[in-house]
Amino acid sequence: MATKKAAVKKTAVKKTAAKKAVKPTPAKKSLARKSVGRPQPTHEQIAELARKYFHEHGGHGATAEQDWLRAERELKGI
């Protein structure tokens, strides 16, 4: 009988471990959502859009960094 109890206990431990391993952490979920099915923009694509924003406001108002971040957010869909 001791072997039967040990076998049942071992099976229960395996099921519990499997359940814990399946649950993704919230950080992994959010990363997976962003990268699935959406190609990341290239450096050139971001630069081109940032230049467009720069020319739209005539170089006044926003900084080059702000234009870059705006273009990056738009292309990445953030």
C-alpha atoms as a PDB file:
ATOM      1  CA  MET A   1       0.000   0.000   0.000  1.00  0.00           C
ATOM      2  CA  ALA A   2       2.860   2.364   0.610  1.00  0.00           C
ATOM      3  CA  THR A   3       3.733   2.333  -3.089  1.00  0.00           C
ATOM      4  CA  LYS A   4       0.163   3.183  -4.099  1.00  0.00           C
ATOM      5  CA  LYS A   5       0.138   6.229  -1.822  1.00  0.00           C
ATOM      6  CA  ALA A   6       3.517   7.330  -3.111  1.00  0.00           C
ATOM      7  CA  ALA A   7       2.348   6.972  -6.718  1.00  0.00           C
ATOM      8  CA  VAL A   8      -0.798   9.020  -6.058  1.00  0.00           C
ATOM      9  CA  LYS A   9       1.212  11.693  -4.272  1.00  0.00           C
ATOM     10  CA  LYS A  10       3.739  11.820  -7.121  1.00  0.00           C
ATOM     11  CA  THR A  11       0.964  12.264  -9.703  1.00  0.00           C
ATOM     12  CA  ALA A  12      -0.614  15.075  -7.685  1.00  0.00           C
ATOM     13  CA  VAL A  13       2.724  16.873  -7.470  1.00  0.00           C
ATOM     14  CA  LYS A  14       3.233  16.600 -11.247  1.00  0.00           C
ATOM     15  CA  LYS A  15      -0.237  18.062 -11.948  1.00  0.00           C
ATOM     16  CA  THR A  16       0.351  20.974  -9.587  1.00  0.00           C
ATOM     17  CA  ALA A  17       3.750  21.717 -11.125  1.00  0.00           C
ATOM     18  CA  ALA A  18       2.276  21.590 -14.630  1.00  0.00           C
ATOM     19  CA  LYS A  19      -0.462  24.072 -13.720  1.00  0.00           C
ATOM     20  CA  LYS A  20       2.057  26.509 -12.279  1.00  0.00           C
ATOM     21  CA  ALA A  21       4.337  26.286 -15.299  1.00  0.00           C
ATOM     22  CA  VAL A  22       1.547  27.091 -17.767  1.00  0.00           C
ATOM     23  CA  LYS A  23       0.513  30.446 -16.289  1.00  0.00           C
ATOM     24  CA  PRO A  24       2.497  33.283 -17.938  1.00  0.00           C
ATOM     25  CA  THR A  25       3.503  36.297 -15.913  1.00  0.00           C
ATOM     26  CA  PRO A  26       1.807  39.621 -16.741  1.00  0.00           C
ATOM     27  CA  ALA A  27       5.054  40.996 -18.189  1.00  0.00           C
ATOM     28  CA  LYS A  28       5.318  38.101 -20.621  1.00  0.00           C
ATOM     29  CA  LYS A  29       1.705  38.577 -21.703  1.00  0.00           C
ATOM     30  CA  SER A  30       2.181  42.232 -22.584  1.00  0.00           C
ATOM     31  CA  LEU A  31       5.378  41.540 -24.509  1.00  0.00           C
ATOM     32  CA  ALA A  32       3.709  38.770 -26.451  1.00  0.00           C
ATOM     33  CA  ARG A  33       0.795  40.992 -27.450  1.00  0.00           C
ATOM     34  CA  LYS A  34       3.039  43.723 -28.829  1.00  0.00           C
ATOM     35  CA  SER A  35       5.274  41.506 -30.904  1.00  0.00           C
ATOM     36  CA  VAL A  36       2.762  39.022 -32.329  1.00  0.00           C
ATOM     37  CA  GLY A  37       1.771  39.811 -35.902  1.00  0.00           C
ATOM     38  CA  ARG A  38       3.262  43.298 -35.913  1.00  0.00           C
ATOM     39  CA  PRO A  39       6.676  43.839 -37.522  1.00  0.00           C
ATOM     40  CA  GLN A  40       8.908  46.310 -35.726  1.00  0.00           C
ATOM     41  CA  PRO A  41       9.694  49.518 -37.652  1.00  0.00           C
ATOM     42  CA  THR A  42      13.231  49.994 -38.903  1.00  0.00           C
ATOM     43  CA  HIS A  43      15.507  52.837 -37.880  1.00  0.00           C
ATOM     44  CA  GLU A  44      15.089  54.340 -41.355  1.00  0.00           C
ATOM     45  CA  GLN A  45      11.283  54.266 -41.158  1.00  0.00           C
ATOM     46  CA  ILE A  46      11.311  56.059 -37.809  1.00  0.00           C
ATOM     47  CA  ALA A  47      13.845  58.623 -39.077  1.00  0.00           C
ATOM     48  CA  GLU A  48      11.787  59.340 -42.200  1.00  0.00           C
ATOM     49  CA  LEU A  49       8.603  59.960 -40.220  1.00  0.00           C
ATOM     50  CA  ALA A  50      10.472  62.072 -37.625  1.00  0.00           C
ATOM     51  CA  ARG A  51      11.866  64.236 -40.475  1.00  0.00           C
ATOM     52  CA  LYS A  52       8.320  64.653 -41.799  1.00  0.00           C
ATOM     53  CA  TYR A  53       7.154  65.877 -38.382  1.00  0.00           C
ATOM     54  CA  PHE A  54      10.142  68.228 -38.179  1.00  0.00           C
ATOM     55  CA  HIS A  55       9.301  69.790 -41.544  1.00  0.00           C
ATOM     56  CA  GLU A  56       5.594  70.052 -40.670  1.00  0.00           C
ATOM     57  CA  HIS A  57       6.307  72.353 -37.750  1.00  0.00           C
ATOM     58  CA  GLY A  58       9.160  74.147 -39.498  1.00  0.00           C
ATOM     59  CA  GLY A  59      11.763  73.076 -36.975  1.00  0.00           C
ATOM     60  CA  HIS A  60      10.104  75.166 -34.258  1.00  0.00           C
ATOM     61  CA  GLY A  61       8.214  73.893 -31.239  1.00  0.00           C
ATOM     62  CA  ALA A  62       9.161  70.251 -30.805  1.00  0.00           C
ATOM     63  CA  THR A  63      12.712  68.981 -30.454  1.00  0.00           C
ATOM     64  CA  ALA A  64      14.265  66.353 -32.689  1.00  0.00           C
ATOM     65  CA  GLU A  65      13.960  63.880 -29.823  1.00  0.00           C
ATOM     66  CA  GLN A  66      10.241  64.597 -29.421  1.00  0.00           C
ATOM     67  CA  ASP A  67       9.724  64.116 -33.169  1.00  0.00           C
ATOM     68  CA  TRP A  68      11.622  60.825 -33.021  1.00  0.00           C
ATOM     69  CA  LEU A  69       9.619  59.521 -30.052  1.00  0.00           C
ATOM     70  CA  ARG A  70       6.332  60.563 -31.684  1.00  0.00           C
ATOM     71  CA  ALA A  71       7.265  58.734 -34.889  1.00  0.00           C
ATOM     72  CA  GLU A  72       8.384  55.664 -32.945  1.00  0.00           C
ATOM     73  CA  ARG A  73       5.127  55.545 -30.947  1.00  0.00           C
ATOM     74  CA  GLU A  74       3.027  55.905 -34.082  1.00  0.00           C
ATOM     75  CA  LEU A  75       4.875  53.212 -36.029  1.00  0.00           C
ATOM     76  CA  LYS A  76       4.907  50.765 -33.126  1.00  0.00           C
ATOM     77  CA  GLY A  77       1.239  51.396 -32.356  1.00  0.00           C
ATOM     78  CA  ILE A  78       1.849  52.311 -28.732  1.00  0.00           C
END
